[in-house]
Amino acid sequence: MNRGKQIKRERIEHLLRNIISSELLNFQHNNLITLSRVELSPDMSNANFFITVFGDKSVTEIIEELNNRKGYFRKVIAKKLNLRYTPSLKFKEEKNFLNRKVKAEETGESTNEQRSKRDS
């Protein structure tokens, strides 16, 4: 993939993260839902949102609720972003979050620093 397309994809991932994060604040629940990362497919037709959940409900229950409302989230994205095609959305559990956090604490790095090293 050339550098221009990669920059565009990263920019759209950032915008998607901001839109969905703000929508998760309006989501009716008693849990803390954190959007840790967004992965957009190379053709930008699919977007995976990786979340962590702290609270009473299980992660699978929250993910199921979010995936049931993905049509709503997709409509919000379509209104806010001027894309030719709005990507299909899928919410998933962030399984590497604790592993990255523990590794970062051991080495004294932040998870953002680790992500930057991984992406480069």
C-alpha atoms as a PDB file:
ATOM      1  CA  MET A   1       0.000   0.000   0.000  1.00  0.00           C
ATOM      2  CA  ASN A   2       1.390   3.378  -0.885  1.00  0.00           C
ATOM      3  CA  ARG A   3       1.997   6.003   1.767  1.00  0.00           C
ATOM      4  CA  GLY A   4      -0.881   8.271   0.671  1.00  0.00           C
ATOM      5  CA  LYS A   5      -3.491   5.525   1.071  1.00  0.00           C
ATOM      6  CA  GLN A   6      -2.034   4.526   4.426  1.00  0.00           C
ATOM      7  CA  ILE A   7      -2.253   8.098   5.711  1.00  0.00           C
ATOM      8  CA  LYS A   8      -5.864   8.369   4.495  1.00  0.00           C
ATOM      9  CA  ARG A   9      -6.780   5.071   6.194  1.00  0.00           C
ATOM     10  CA  GLU A  10      -5.147   6.146   9.471  1.00  0.00           C
ATOM     11  CA  ARG A  11      -6.966   9.467   9.345  1.00  0.00           C
ATOM     12  CA  ILE A  12     -10.319   7.768   8.784  1.00  0.00           C
ATOM     13  CA  GLU A  13      -9.563   5.333  11.637  1.00  0.00           C
ATOM     14  CA  HIS A  14      -8.944   8.340  13.891  1.00  0.00           C
ATOM     15  CA  LEU A  15     -12.217   9.999  12.833  1.00  0.00           C
ATOM     16  CA  LEU A  16     -14.141   6.747  13.332  1.00  0.00           C
ATOM     17  CA  ARG A  17     -12.628   6.368  16.807  1.00  0.00           C
ATOM     18  CA  ASN A  18     -13.720   9.902  17.755  1.00  0.00           C
ATOM     19  CA  ILE A  19     -17.271   9.464  16.434  1.00  0.00           C
ATOM     20  CA  ILE A  20     -17.873   6.090  18.067  1.00  0.00           C
ATOM     21  CA  SER A  21     -16.239   7.185  21.345  1.00  0.00           C
ATOM     22  CA  SER A  22     -18.631  10.114  21.619  1.00  0.00           C
ATOM     23  CA  GLU A  23     -21.584   7.853  20.791  1.00  0.00           C
ATOM     24  CA  LEU A  24     -20.522   5.345  23.458  1.00  0.00           C
ATOM     25  CA  LEU A  25     -20.847   8.140  26.033  1.00  0.00           C
ATOM     26  CA  ASN A  26     -24.535   8.407  25.095  1.00  0.00           C
ATOM     27  CA  PHE A  27     -24.999   4.626  25.220  1.00  0.00           C
ATOM     28  CA  GLN A  28     -27.312   3.742  28.142  1.00  0.00           C
ATOM     29  CA  HIS A  29     -25.383   1.444  30.468  1.00  0.00           C
ATOM     30  CA  ASN A  30     -23.786   1.262  33.894  1.00  0.00           C
ATOM     31  CA  ASN A  31     -20.397   0.201  32.617  1.00  0.00           C
ATOM     32  CA  LEU A  32     -17.249   1.963  31.545  1.00  0.00           C
ATOM     33  CA  ILE A  33     -16.694   1.154  27.876  1.00  0.00           C
ATOM     34  CA  THR A  34     -13.329   2.095  26.440  1.00  0.00           C
ATOM     35  CA  LEU A  35     -12.604   2.060  22.733  1.00  0.00           C
ATOM     36  CA  SER A  36      -8.973   0.998  22.584  1.00  0.00           C
ATOM     37  CA  ARG A  37      -8.395   0.871  18.834  1.00  0.00           C
ATOM     38  CA  VAL A  38      -9.981   0.811  15.395  1.00  0.00           C
ATOM     39  CA  GLU A  39      -8.799  -1.336  12.508  1.00  0.00           C
ATOM     40  CA  LEU A  40      -9.988  -0.427   9.039  1.00  0.00           C
ATOM     41  CA  SER A  41      -9.568  -2.946   6.234  1.00  0.00           C
ATOM     42  CA  PRO A  42      -7.245  -1.924   3.363  1.00  0.00           C
ATOM     43  CA  ASP A  43     -10.224  -1.321   1.046  1.00  0.00           C
ATOM     44  CA  MET A  44     -11.976   0.620   3.869  1.00  0.00           C
ATOM     45  CA  SER A  45     -15.122  -1.515   3.626  1.00  0.00           C
ATOM     46  CA  ASN A  46     -14.905  -3.009   7.140  1.00  0.00           C
ATOM     47  CA  ALA A  47     -14.080  -1.441  10.482  1.00  0.00           C
ATOM     48  CA  ASN A  48     -13.353  -3.396  13.648  1.00  0.00           C
ATOM     49  CA  PHE A  49     -13.741  -1.585  16.962  1.00  0.00           C
ATOM     50  CA  PHE A  50     -11.889  -3.128  19.894  1.00  0.00           C
ATOM     51  CA  ILE A  51     -13.376  -2.336  23.305  1.00  0.00           C
ATOM     52  CA  THR A  52     -12.759  -3.028  26.960  1.00  0.00           C
ATOM     53  CA  VAL A  53     -15.550  -3.069  29.522  1.00  0.00           C
ATOM     54  CA  PHE A  54     -15.403  -2.407  33.248  1.00  0.00           C
ATOM     55  CA  GLY A  55     -18.626  -2.865  35.202  1.00  0.00           C
ATOM     56  CA  ASP A  56     -21.516  -5.165  35.993  1.00  0.00           C
ATOM     57  CA  LYS A  57     -22.312  -6.582  32.563  1.00  0.00           C
ATOM     58  CA  SER A  58     -20.061  -9.058  30.833  1.00  0.00           C
ATOM     59  CA  VAL A  59     -18.029  -8.049  27.807  1.00  0.00           C
ATOM     60  CA  THR A  60     -19.972 -10.436  25.575  1.00  0.00           C
ATOM     61  CA  GLU A  61     -23.302  -8.875  26.583  1.00  0.00           C
ATOM     62  CA  ILE A  62     -22.051  -5.367  25.816  1.00  0.00           C
ATOM     63  CA  ILE A  63     -20.504  -6.433  22.499  1.00  0.00           C
ATOM     64  CA  GLU A  64     -23.740  -8.151  21.528  1.00  0.00           C
ATOM     65  CA  GLU A  65     -25.707  -4.964  22.323  1.00  0.00           C
ATOM     66  CA  LEU A  66     -23.272  -2.813  20.355  1.00  0.00           C
ATOM     67  CA  ASN A  67     -23.318  -5.164  17.365  1.00  0.00           C
ATOM     68  CA  ASN A  68     -27.126  -5.126  17.461  1.00  0.00           C
ATOM     69  CA  ARG A  69     -26.983  -1.316  17.212  1.00  0.00           C
ATOM     70  CA  LYS A  70     -24.303  -1.183  14.509  1.00  0.00           C
ATOM     71  CA  GLY A  71     -26.872   0.073  11.985  1.00  0.00           C
ATOM     72  CA  TYR A  72     -27.433   3.134  14.156  1.00  0.00           C
ATOM     73  CA  PHE A  73     -23.686   3.715  14.546  1.00  0.00           C
ATOM     74  CA  ARG A  74     -23.199   3.317  10.797  1.00  0.00           C
ATOM     75  CA  LYS A  75     -25.893   5.926  10.131  1.00  0.00           C
ATOM     76  CA  VAL A  76     -24.192   8.367  12.516  1.00  0.00           C
ATOM     77  CA  ILE A  77     -20.860   7.824  10.753  1.00  0.00           C
ATOM     78  CA  ALA A  78     -22.479   8.345   7.331  1.00  0.00           C
ATOM     79  CA  LYS A  79     -23.927  11.669   8.486  1.00  0.00           C
ATOM     80  CA  LYS A  80     -20.662  12.942   9.961  1.00  0.00           C
ATOM     81  CA  LEU A  81     -18.164  11.687   7.369  1.00  0.00           C
ATOM     82  CA  ASN A  82     -18.361  12.321   3.659  1.00  0.00           C
ATOM     83  CA  LEU A  83     -17.230   8.906   2.437  1.00  0.00           C
ATOM     84  CA  ARG A  84     -18.261   7.200  -0.760  1.00  0.00           C
ATOM     85  CA  TYR A  85     -19.063   4.037   1.205  1.00  0.00           C
ATOM     86  CA  THR A  86     -19.609   3.773   4.927  1.00  0.00           C
ATOM     87  CA  PRO A  87     -17.727   0.754   6.265  1.00  0.00           C
ATOM     88  CA  SER A  88     -19.568  -2.126   7.896  1.00  0.00           C
ATOM     89  CA  LEU A  89     -18.909  -2.179  11.625  1.00  0.00           C
ATOM     90  CA  LYS A  90     -18.028  -4.915  14.063  1.00  0.00           C
ATOM     91  CA  PHE A  91     -17.352  -4.581  17.772  1.00  0.00           C
ATOM     92  CA  LYS A  92     -14.866  -6.975  19.353  1.00  0.00           C
ATOM     93  CA  GLU A  93     -13.262  -7.508  22.726  1.00  0.00           C
ATOM     94  CA  GLU A  94      -9.764  -6.116  23.130  1.00  0.00           C
ATOM     95  CA  LYS A  95      -7.890  -9.173  24.330  1.00  0.00           C
ATOM     96  CA  ASN A  96      -4.396  -7.715  24.176  1.00  0.00           C
ATOM     97  CA  PHE A  97      -5.134  -4.694  26.366  1.00  0.00           C
ATOM     98  CA  LEU A  98      -4.021  -6.229  29.654  1.00  0.00           C
ATOM     99  CA  ASN A  99      -1.032  -7.930  28.035  1.00  0.00           C
ATOM    100  CA  ARG A 100       0.137  -4.613  26.556  1.00  0.00           C
ATOM    101  CA  LYS A 101      -0.466  -2.813  29.852  1.00  0.00           C
ATOM    102  CA  VAL A 102       1.516  -5.355  31.894  1.00  0.00           C
ATOM    103  CA  LYS A 103       4.347  -5.364  29.350  1.00  0.00           C
ATOM    104  CA  ALA A 104       4.404  -1.556  29.344  1.00  0.00           C
ATOM    105  CA  GLU A 105       4.592  -1.443  33.137  1.00  0.00           C
ATOM    106  CA  GLU A 106       7.484  -3.905  33.108  1.00  0.00           C
ATOM    107  CA  THR A 107       9.450  -1.926  30.519  1.00  0.00           C
ATOM    108  CA  GLY A 108       8.342   1.546  31.640  1.00  0.00           C
ATOM    109  CA  GLU A 109       6.740   2.387  28.257  1.00  0.00           C
ATOM    110  CA  SER A 110       3.242   3.588  27.584  1.00  0.00           C
ATOM    111  CA  THR A 111       0.919   1.490  25.409  1.00  0.00           C
ATOM    112  CA  ASN A 112       0.974   4.305  22.824  1.00  0.00           C
ATOM    113  CA  GLU A 113       4.745   4.001  22.557  1.00  0.00           C
ATOM    114  CA  GLN A 114       4.412   0.246  22.047  1.00  0.00           C
ATOM    115  CA  ARG A 115       1.737   0.758  19.390  1.00  0.00           C
ATOM    116  CA  SER A 116       3.973   3.260  17.562  1.00  0.00           C
ATOM    117  CA  LYS A 117       6.861   0.790  17.574  1.00  0.00           C
ATOM    118  CA  ARG A 118       4.572  -1.999  16.327  1.00  0.00           C
ATOM    119  CA  ASP A 119       3.127   0.097  13.502  1.00  0.00           C
ATOM    120  CA  SER A 120       6.494   1.347  12.228  1.00  0.00           C
END
